[in-house]
Amino acid sequence: MSEVAVFHPQFVVNGQGLRTSVILPVEEYETLLEDLSDLAAVAERRTEPVTAHADVMARLKADGLI
């Protein structure tokens, strides 16, 4: 399981003090893009058939991969 990302945003505010933009370190921005890509892949595949973990493990063992 992956760790929860910790972000360090800086905010740009307008004359009324309302946040209008966010500044993130590049590494944190790239982490967000990667997470977004992963979530999109999950959403695209949500209707695919599910294979039980035990079946996957059995197939990998039968194929000599583990």
C-alpha atoms as a PDB file:
ATOM      1  CA  MET A   1       0.000   0.000   0.000  1.00  0.00           C
ATOM      2  CA  SER A   2       1.351   3.432  -0.853  1.00  0.00           C
ATOM      3  CA  GLU A   3       1.962   6.157   1.673  1.00  0.00           C
ATOM      4  CA  VAL A   4      -0.230   9.215   1.984  1.00  0.00           C
ATOM      5  CA  ALA A   5       1.453  12.106   0.236  1.00  0.00           C
ATOM      6  CA  VAL A   6       2.202  15.204   2.262  1.00  0.00           C
ATOM      7  CA  PHE A   7       1.964  18.403   0.271  1.00  0.00           C
ATOM      8  CA  HIS A   8       3.385  21.824   0.987  1.00  0.00           C
ATOM      9  CA  PRO A   9       1.250  24.239  -1.014  1.00  0.00           C
ATOM     10  CA  GLN A  10       1.739  27.959  -1.176  1.00  0.00           C
ATOM     11  CA  PHE A  11      -1.235  30.087  -2.119  1.00  0.00           C
ATOM     12  CA  VAL A  12      -1.516  33.176  -4.253  1.00  0.00           C
ATOM     13  CA  VAL A  13      -4.243  35.468  -2.984  1.00  0.00           C
ATOM     14  CA  ASN A  14      -6.097  38.342  -4.597  1.00  0.00           C
ATOM     15  CA  GLY A  15      -6.674  41.798  -3.151  1.00  0.00           C
ATOM     16  CA  GLN A  16      -9.516  40.479  -0.990  1.00  0.00           C
ATOM     17  CA  GLY A  17      -7.321  37.745   0.473  1.00  0.00           C
ATOM     18  CA  LEU A  18      -9.081  34.957  -1.441  1.00  0.00           C
ATOM     19  CA  ARG A  19      -6.951  32.102  -2.726  1.00  0.00           C
ATOM     20  CA  THR A  20      -6.689  32.235  -6.513  1.00  0.00           C
ATOM     21  CA  SER A  21      -3.773  29.905  -7.302  1.00  0.00           C
ATOM     22  CA  VAL A  22      -1.615  27.209  -5.754  1.00  0.00           C
ATOM     23  CA  ILE A  23       2.127  26.778  -5.987  1.00  0.00           C
ATOM     24  CA  LEU A  24       3.512  23.280  -5.380  1.00  0.00           C
ATOM     25  CA  PRO A  25       7.028  21.913  -5.593  1.00  0.00           C
ATOM     26  CA  VAL A  26       7.478  20.082  -8.906  1.00  0.00           C
ATOM     27  CA  GLU A  27       7.916  16.718  -7.172  1.00  0.00           C
ATOM     28  CA  GLU A  28       4.569  17.104  -5.383  1.00  0.00           C
ATOM     29  CA  TYR A  29       2.871  18.228  -8.602  1.00  0.00           C
ATOM     30  CA  GLU A  30       4.202  15.159 -10.418  1.00  0.00           C
ATOM     31  CA  THR A  31       2.920  12.939  -7.593  1.00  0.00           C
ATOM     32  CA  LEU A  32      -0.554  14.432  -8.041  1.00  0.00           C
ATOM     33  CA  LEU A  33      -0.436  13.840 -11.802  1.00  0.00           C
ATOM     34  CA  GLU A  34       0.622  10.229 -11.250  1.00  0.00           C
ATOM     35  CA  ASP A  35      -2.208   9.685  -8.757  1.00  0.00           C
ATOM     36  CA  LEU A  36      -4.696  11.235 -11.183  1.00  0.00           C
ATOM     37  CA  SER A  37      -3.480   8.920 -13.943  1.00  0.00           C
ATOM     38  CA  ASP A  38      -3.840   5.890 -11.650  1.00  0.00           C
ATOM     39  CA  LEU A  39      -7.392   6.905 -10.702  1.00  0.00           C
ATOM     40  CA  ALA A  40      -8.312   7.359 -14.370  1.00  0.00           C
ATOM     41  CA  ALA A  41      -7.046   3.843 -15.132  1.00  0.00           C
ATOM     42  CA  VAL A  42      -9.102   2.419 -12.264  1.00  0.00           C
ATOM     43  CA  ALA A  43     -12.206   4.248 -13.484  1.00  0.00           C
ATOM     44  CA  GLU A  44     -11.719   2.966 -17.046  1.00  0.00           C
ATOM     45  CA  ARG A  45     -11.365  -0.635 -15.862  1.00  0.00           C
ATOM     46  CA  ARG A  46     -14.127  -0.730 -13.236  1.00  0.00           C
ATOM     47  CA  THR A  47     -16.434  -2.833 -15.440  1.00  0.00           C
ATOM     48  CA  GLU A  48     -13.815  -5.470 -16.262  1.00  0.00           C
ATOM     49  CA  PRO A  49     -14.212  -8.930 -14.728  1.00  0.00           C
ATOM     50  CA  VAL A  50     -12.439  -9.509 -11.424  1.00  0.00           C
ATOM     51  CA  THR A  51      -9.957 -12.338 -10.831  1.00  0.00           C
ATOM     52  CA  ALA A  52      -9.506 -13.671  -7.319  1.00  0.00           C
ATOM     53  CA  HIS A  53      -6.065 -13.200  -5.780  1.00  0.00           C
ATOM     54  CA  ALA A  54      -5.749 -16.951  -5.176  1.00  0.00           C
ATOM     55  CA  ASP A  55      -6.376 -17.620  -8.890  1.00  0.00           C
ATOM     56  CA  VAL A  56      -3.726 -15.102  -9.929  1.00  0.00           C
ATOM     57  CA  MET A  57      -1.215 -16.624  -7.523  1.00  0.00           C
ATOM     58  CA  ALA A  58      -1.981 -20.140  -8.761  1.00  0.00           C
ATOM     59  CA  ARG A  59      -1.505 -19.058 -12.378  1.00  0.00           C
ATOM     60  CA  LEU A  60       1.792 -17.318 -11.608  1.00  0.00           C
ATOM     61  CA  LYS A  61       3.067 -20.400  -9.777  1.00  0.00           C
ATOM     62  CA  ALA A  62       1.952 -22.693 -12.608  1.00  0.00           C
ATOM     63  CA  ASP A  63       3.817 -20.468 -15.086  1.00  0.00           C
ATOM     64  CA  GLY A  64       6.934 -20.549 -12.902  1.00  0.00           C
ATOM     65  CA  LEU A  65       6.879 -16.803 -12.368  1.00  0.00           C
ATOM     66  CA  ILE A  66       6.862 -17.051  -8.580  1.00  0.00           C
END
